[in-house]
Amino acid sequence: MDSIKKEVGIRIRQYRTQLKMSQEKLAELADLNTVYIGVIERGEKNPSIDILYRISKGLGISLAELLKNIGGTENGRDEYPQKIYSMMLDLTPKEQKIIYDIISSALALK
């Protein structure tokens, strides 16, 4: 269950950052507390379906889109990109660039 909470939190953060939206703005749009958004994004709380619906609307996506492939896919293709993304969240932009360059170099060797 903890991994599902983390996956949901990562997904919310991904959509929010793609939209260049702050946690404060998402909290405002979803009528939630900013701290609660952070807790959800870190996978520390298990939000209700109502909360997830409000967050999805704040992000401008459907609840189905927010939860798509959460819990893994049949072939597991989403597992490692999610893990890499979650590891990089706490890195500085400089450290993120280094990881990106390493991955790009490794892929060029294929």
N, C-alpha and C. Protein backbone atom coordinates (compact mmCIF):
# COMPACT_ATOMS: atom_id res chain seq x y z
N MET A 1 0.82 -1.20 0.00
CA MET A 1 0.00 0.00 0.00
C MET A 1 0.86 1.26 0.00
N ASP A 2 2.00 1.22 0.72
CA ASP A 2 2.86 2.39 0.75
C ASP A 2 3.36 2.75 -0.64
N SER A 3 3.66 1.73 -1.47
CA SER A 3 4.15 2.03 -2.80
C SER A 3 3.08 2.70 -3.65
N ILE A 4 1.82 2.34 -3.44
CA ILE A 4 0.72 2.98 -4.19
C ILE A 4 0.64 4.45 -3.79
N LYS A 5 0.72 4.73 -2.49
CA LYS A 5 0.67 6.13 -2.03
C LYS A 5 1.81 6.92 -2.65
N LYS A 6 2.99 6.33 -2.70
CA LYS A 6 4.14 7.02 -3.28
C LYS A 6 3.94 7.24 -4.78
N GLU A 7 3.42 6.23 -5.47
CA GLU A 7 3.17 6.37 -6.91
C GLU A 7 2.18 7.48 -7.18
N VAL A 8 1.11 7.54 -6.40
CA VAL A 8 0.11 8.59 -6.58
C VAL A 8 0.75 9.96 -6.32
N GLY A 9 1.53 10.05 -5.26
CA GLY A 9 2.19 11.31 -4.94
C GLY A 9 3.14 11.75 -6.04
N ILE A 10 3.91 10.80 -6.56
CA ILE A 10 4.83 11.11 -7.66
C ILE A 10 4.06 11.58 -8.88
N ARG A 11 2.97 10.90 -9.19
CA ARG A 11 2.16 11.27 -10.35
C ARG A 11 1.61 12.69 -10.20
N ILE A 12 1.10 13.01 -9.02
CA ILE A 12 0.57 14.36 -8.78
C ILE A 12 1.67 15.39 -8.97
N ARG A 13 2.84 15.12 -8.39
CA ARG A 13 3.96 16.05 -8.52
C ARG A 13 4.38 16.19 -9.98
N GLN A 14 4.40 15.09 -10.73
CA GLN A 14 4.77 15.16 -12.14
C GLN A 14 3.83 16.08 -12.91
N TYR A 15 2.54 15.86 -12.75
CA TYR A 15 1.57 16.72 -13.46
C TYR A 15 1.71 18.17 -13.02
N ARG A 16 1.85 18.39 -11.73
CA ARG A 16 1.94 19.76 -11.21
C ARG A 16 3.18 20.47 -11.75
N THR A 17 4.32 19.78 -11.74
CA THR A 17 5.54 20.42 -12.22
C THR A 17 5.53 20.62 -13.74
N GLN A 18 4.90 19.69 -14.46
CA GLN A 18 4.76 19.88 -15.91
C GLN A 18 3.96 21.14 -16.21
N LEU A 19 3.00 21.42 -15.36
CA LEU A 19 2.18 22.62 -15.53
C LEU A 19 2.85 23.87 -14.96
N LYS A 20 4.05 23.68 -14.38
CA LYS A 20 4.77 24.77 -13.72
C LYS A 20 3.88 25.43 -12.64
N MET A 21 3.20 24.56 -11.91
CA MET A 21 2.27 24.99 -10.88
C MET A 21 2.89 24.74 -9.50
N SER A 22 2.74 25.70 -8.62
CA SER A 22 3.24 25.53 -7.26
C SER A 22 2.27 24.67 -6.45
N GLN A 23 2.77 24.15 -5.34
CA GLN A 23 1.89 23.42 -4.43
C GLN A 23 0.79 24.35 -3.91
N GLU A 24 1.14 25.60 -3.70
CA GLU A 24 0.17 26.57 -3.20
C GLU A 24 -0.98 26.76 -4.19
N LYS A 25 -0.64 26.85 -5.48
CA LYS A 25 -1.67 27.05 -6.49
C LYS A 25 -2.56 25.81 -6.60
N LEU A 26 -1.96 24.62 -6.58
CA LEU A 26 -2.76 23.40 -6.64
C LEU A 26 -3.67 23.31 -5.42
N ALA A 27 -3.14 23.64 -4.26
CA ALA A 27 -3.94 23.61 -3.04
C ALA A 27 -5.14 24.56 -3.16
N GLU A 28 -4.89 25.72 -3.71
CA GLU A 28 -5.97 26.70 -3.90
C GLU A 28 -7.03 26.15 -4.86
N LEU A 29 -6.59 25.60 -5.99
CA LEU A 29 -7.53 25.08 -6.98
C LEU A 29 -8.32 23.88 -6.48
N ALA A 30 -7.68 23.07 -5.61
CA ALA A 30 -8.33 21.87 -5.09
C ALA A 30 -9.01 22.13 -3.75
N ASP A 31 -8.94 23.36 -3.26
CA ASP A 31 -9.51 23.74 -1.97
C ASP A 31 -8.96 22.85 -0.85
N LEU A 32 -7.62 22.76 -0.84
CA LEU A 32 -6.92 21.98 0.18
C LEU A 32 -5.82 22.82 0.80
N ASN A 33 -5.26 22.32 1.87
CA ASN A 33 -4.15 22.97 2.55
C ASN A 33 -2.86 22.66 1.80
N THR A 34 -1.99 23.65 1.66
CA THR A 34 -0.72 23.47 0.97
C THR A 34 0.12 22.36 1.60
N VAL A 35 0.15 22.31 2.91
CA VAL A 35 0.92 21.27 3.61
C VAL A 35 0.38 19.89 3.24
N TYR A 36 -0.93 19.77 3.12
CA TYR A 36 -1.53 18.48 2.79
C TYR A 36 -1.12 18.03 1.38
N ILE A 37 -1.01 18.96 0.45
CA ILE A 37 -0.54 18.63 -0.90
C ILE A 37 0.86 18.03 -0.81
N GLY A 38 1.73 18.65 -0.04
CA GLY A 38 3.09 18.15 0.12
C GLY A 38 3.13 16.76 0.73
N VAL A 39 2.29 16.54 1.74
CA VAL A 39 2.21 15.24 2.41
C VAL A 39 1.77 14.17 1.42
N ILE A 40 0.80 14.49 0.58
CA ILE A 40 0.31 13.54 -0.43
C ILE A 40 1.41 13.27 -1.46
N GLU A 41 2.07 14.32 -1.93
CA GLU A 41 3.11 14.16 -2.94
C GLU A 41 4.28 13.31 -2.44
N ARG A 42 4.55 13.36 -1.15
CA ARG A 42 5.63 12.54 -0.57
C ARG A 42 5.16 11.13 -0.24
N GLY A 43 3.88 10.86 -0.45
CA GLY A 43 3.35 9.52 -0.18
C GLY A 43 3.19 9.21 1.29
N GLU A 44 3.04 10.25 2.10
CA GLU A 44 2.92 10.06 3.54
C GLU A 44 1.49 9.83 4.00
N LYS A 45 0.53 10.22 3.18
CA LYS A 45 -0.89 10.05 3.52
C LYS A 45 -1.60 9.36 2.36
N ASN A 46 -2.66 8.67 2.72
CA ASN A 46 -3.48 7.98 1.73
C ASN A 46 -4.74 8.83 1.51
N PRO A 47 -4.75 9.65 0.45
CA PRO A 47 -5.89 10.55 0.24
C PRO A 47 -7.15 9.79 -0.16
N SER A 48 -8.29 10.34 0.23
CA SER A 48 -9.57 9.75 -0.15
C SER A 48 -9.81 9.97 -1.65
N ILE A 49 -10.77 9.26 -2.17
CA ILE A 49 -11.11 9.41 -3.59
C ILE A 49 -11.62 10.82 -3.87
N ASP A 50 -12.32 11.41 -2.90
CA ASP A 50 -12.80 12.79 -3.04
C ASP A 50 -11.62 13.75 -3.18
N ILE A 51 -10.60 13.58 -2.36
CA ILE A 51 -9.41 14.44 -2.41
C ILE A 51 -8.70 14.25 -3.75
N LEU A 52 -8.55 13.01 -4.18
CA LEU A 52 -7.90 12.76 -5.46
C LEU A 52 -8.68 13.38 -6.61
N TYR A 53 -10.00 13.34 -6.52
CA TYR A 53 -10.84 13.96 -7.55
C TYR A 53 -10.61 15.48 -7.58
N ARG A 54 -10.57 16.09 -6.41
CA ARG A 54 -10.35 17.54 -6.34
C ARG A 54 -8.97 17.91 -6.88
N ILE A 55 -7.97 17.10 -6.56
CA ILE A 55 -6.62 17.35 -7.07
C ILE A 55 -6.60 17.20 -8.58
N SER A 56 -7.23 16.15 -9.10
CA SER A 56 -7.24 15.95 -10.56
C SER A 56 -7.90 17.13 -11.26
N LYS A 57 -8.99 17.63 -10.71
CA LYS A 57 -9.66 18.79 -11.31
C LYS A 57 -8.75 20.01 -11.24
N GLY A 58 -8.03 20.17 -10.12
CA GLY A 58 -7.09 21.28 -9.99
C GLY A 58 -5.97 21.20 -11.03
N LEU A 59 -5.60 19.98 -11.39
CA LEU A 59 -4.57 19.78 -12.40
C LEU A 59 -5.13 19.84 -13.83
N GLY A 60 -6.45 19.87 -13.93
CA GLY A 60 -7.08 19.94 -15.25
C GLY A 60 -7.10 18.61 -15.99
N ILE A 61 -7.08 17.52 -15.23
CA ILE A 61 -7.13 16.18 -15.84
C ILE A 61 -8.24 15.37 -15.17
N SER A 62 -8.58 14.27 -15.79
CA SER A 62 -9.60 13.40 -15.19
C SER A 62 -8.97 12.56 -14.08
N LEU A 63 -9.81 12.07 -13.20
CA LEU A 63 -9.34 11.17 -12.15
C LEU A 63 -8.75 9.91 -12.77
N ALA A 64 -9.36 9.44 -13.86
CA ALA A 64 -8.85 8.25 -14.55
C ALA A 64 -7.43 8.48 -15.06
N GLU A 65 -7.18 9.65 -15.61
CA GLU A 65 -5.84 9.97 -16.10
C GLU A 65 -4.84 10.03 -14.95
N LEU A 66 -5.25 10.62 -13.85
CA LEU A 66 -4.37 10.72 -12.69
C LEU A 66 -3.96 9.33 -12.20
N LEU A 67 -4.88 8.40 -12.21
CA LEU A 67 -4.63 7.07 -11.65
C LEU A 67 -4.21 6.03 -12.69
N LYS A 68 -4.10 6.44 -13.93
CA LYS A 68 -3.76 5.50 -15.01
C LYS A 68 -2.44 4.78 -14.71
N ASN A 69 -2.49 3.45 -14.74
CA ASN A 69 -1.33 2.57 -14.53
C ASN A 69 -0.72 2.66 -13.13
N ILE A 70 -1.40 3.25 -12.19
CA ILE A 70 -0.91 3.25 -10.81
C ILE A 70 -0.97 1.82 -10.30
N GLY A 71 0.06 1.40 -9.63
CA GLY A 71 0.12 0.04 -9.15
C GLY A 71 0.84 -0.87 -10.11
N GLY A 72 1.43 -0.30 -11.14
CA GLY A 72 2.18 -1.08 -12.11
C GLY A 72 1.34 -1.45 -13.30
N THR A 73 2.01 -1.80 -14.33
CA THR A 73 1.34 -2.27 -15.54
C THR A 73 1.63 -3.75 -15.69
N GLU A 74 0.93 -4.36 -16.59
CA GLU A 74 1.13 -5.79 -16.81
C GLU A 74 2.57 -6.11 -17.20
N ASN A 75 3.18 -5.26 -17.98
CA ASN A 75 4.55 -5.55 -18.40
C ASN A 75 5.59 -4.81 -17.56
N GLY A 76 5.15 -4.00 -16.59
CA GLY A 76 6.07 -3.33 -15.68
C GLY A 76 6.89 -2.21 -16.30
N ARG A 77 6.51 -1.73 -17.47
CA ARG A 77 7.30 -0.72 -18.17
C ARG A 77 7.37 0.62 -17.43
N ASP A 78 6.39 0.93 -16.61
CA ASP A 78 6.37 2.22 -15.92
C ASP A 78 7.16 2.19 -14.60
N GLU A 79 7.55 1.04 -14.15
CA GLU A 79 8.16 0.92 -12.83
C GLU A 79 9.47 1.70 -12.71
N TYR A 80 10.41 1.50 -13.62
CA TYR A 80 11.73 2.11 -13.47
C TYR A 80 11.74 3.61 -13.77
N PRO A 81 11.02 4.10 -14.78
CA PRO A 81 10.98 5.56 -14.93
C PRO A 81 10.43 6.26 -13.68
N GLN A 82 9.42 5.67 -13.05
CA GLN A 82 8.87 6.25 -11.82
C GLN A 82 9.91 6.25 -10.71
N LYS A 83 10.65 5.15 -10.58
CA LYS A 83 11.68 5.06 -9.54
C LYS A 83 12.78 6.09 -9.78
N ILE A 84 13.21 6.22 -11.03
CA ILE A 84 14.25 7.20 -11.35
C ILE A 84 13.76 8.61 -11.04
N TYR A 85 12.54 8.89 -11.45
CA TYR A 85 11.97 10.22 -11.20
C TYR A 85 11.93 10.52 -9.70
N SER A 86 11.45 9.56 -8.90
CA SER A 86 11.33 9.80 -7.47
C SER A 86 12.70 9.98 -6.81
N MET A 87 13.72 9.29 -7.31
CA MET A 87 15.07 9.47 -6.77
C MET A 87 15.61 10.86 -7.07
N MET A 88 15.24 11.41 -8.22
CA MET A 88 15.78 12.68 -8.64
C MET A 88 15.10 13.90 -8.01
N LEU A 89 13.95 13.70 -7.40
CA LEU A 89 13.17 14.83 -6.88
C LEU A 89 13.93 15.67 -5.86
N ASP A 90 14.73 15.04 -5.04
CA ASP A 90 15.43 15.78 -3.99
C ASP A 90 16.82 16.24 -4.40
N LEU A 91 17.20 16.01 -5.63
CA LEU A 91 18.51 16.44 -6.11
C LEU A 91 18.46 17.89 -6.57
N THR A 92 19.62 18.52 -6.57
CA THR A 92 19.71 19.88 -7.10
C THR A 92 19.61 19.82 -8.62
N PRO A 93 19.29 20.93 -9.26
CA PRO A 93 19.26 20.93 -10.73
C PRO A 93 20.59 20.46 -11.34
N LYS A 94 21.70 20.83 -10.73
CA LYS A 94 23.01 20.41 -11.23
C LYS A 94 23.15 18.89 -11.14
N GLU A 95 22.75 18.32 -10.02
CA GLU A 95 22.82 16.86 -9.86
C GLU A 95 21.87 16.15 -10.83
N GLN A 96 20.69 16.74 -11.04
CA GLN A 96 19.74 16.17 -12.00
C GLN A 96 20.34 16.15 -13.40
N LYS A 97 21.03 17.21 -13.77
CA LYS A 97 21.66 17.28 -15.10
C LYS A 97 22.73 16.20 -15.23
N ILE A 98 23.50 15.97 -14.19
CA ILE A 98 24.53 14.92 -14.22
C ILE A 98 23.88 13.56 -14.47
N ILE A 99 22.80 13.27 -13.74
CA ILE A 99 22.10 11.99 -13.92
C ILE A 99 21.54 11.90 -15.33
N TYR A 100 20.97 12.97 -15.81
CA TYR A 100 20.44 13.00 -17.19
C TYR A 100 21.54 12.70 -18.19
N ASP A 101 22.69 13.35 -18.02
CA ASP A 101 23.81 13.13 -18.94
C ASP A 101 24.30 11.68 -18.90
N ILE A 102 24.33 11.09 -17.72
CA ILE A 102 24.75 9.69 -17.58
C ILE A 102 23.77 8.77 -18.32
N ILE A 103 22.48 8.99 -18.10
CA ILE A 103 21.48 8.17 -18.77
C ILE A 103 21.54 8.35 -20.28
N SER A 104 21.69 9.59 -20.73
CA SER A 104 21.79 9.86 -22.16
C SER A 104 23.00 9.15 -22.77
N SER A 105 24.12 9.19 -22.08
CA SER A 105 25.33 8.53 -22.57
C SER A 105 25.13 7.01 -22.62
N ALA A 106 24.51 6.47 -21.60
CA ALA A 106 24.27 5.02 -21.56
C ALA A 106 23.34 4.61 -22.71
N LEU A 107 22.33 5.40 -22.98
CA LEU A 107 21.39 5.07 -24.06
C LEU A 107 22.05 5.18 -25.42
N ALA A 108 23.03 6.05 -25.55
CA ALA A 108 23.74 6.21 -26.83
C ALA A 108 24.58 4.97 -27.15
N LEU A 109 24.88 4.18 -26.13
CA LEU A 109 25.68 2.96 -26.33
C LEU A 109 24.86 1.79 -26.83
N LYS A 110 23.55 1.93 -26.83
CA LYS A 110 22.67 0.83 -27.25
C LYS A 110 22.95 0.37 -28.66
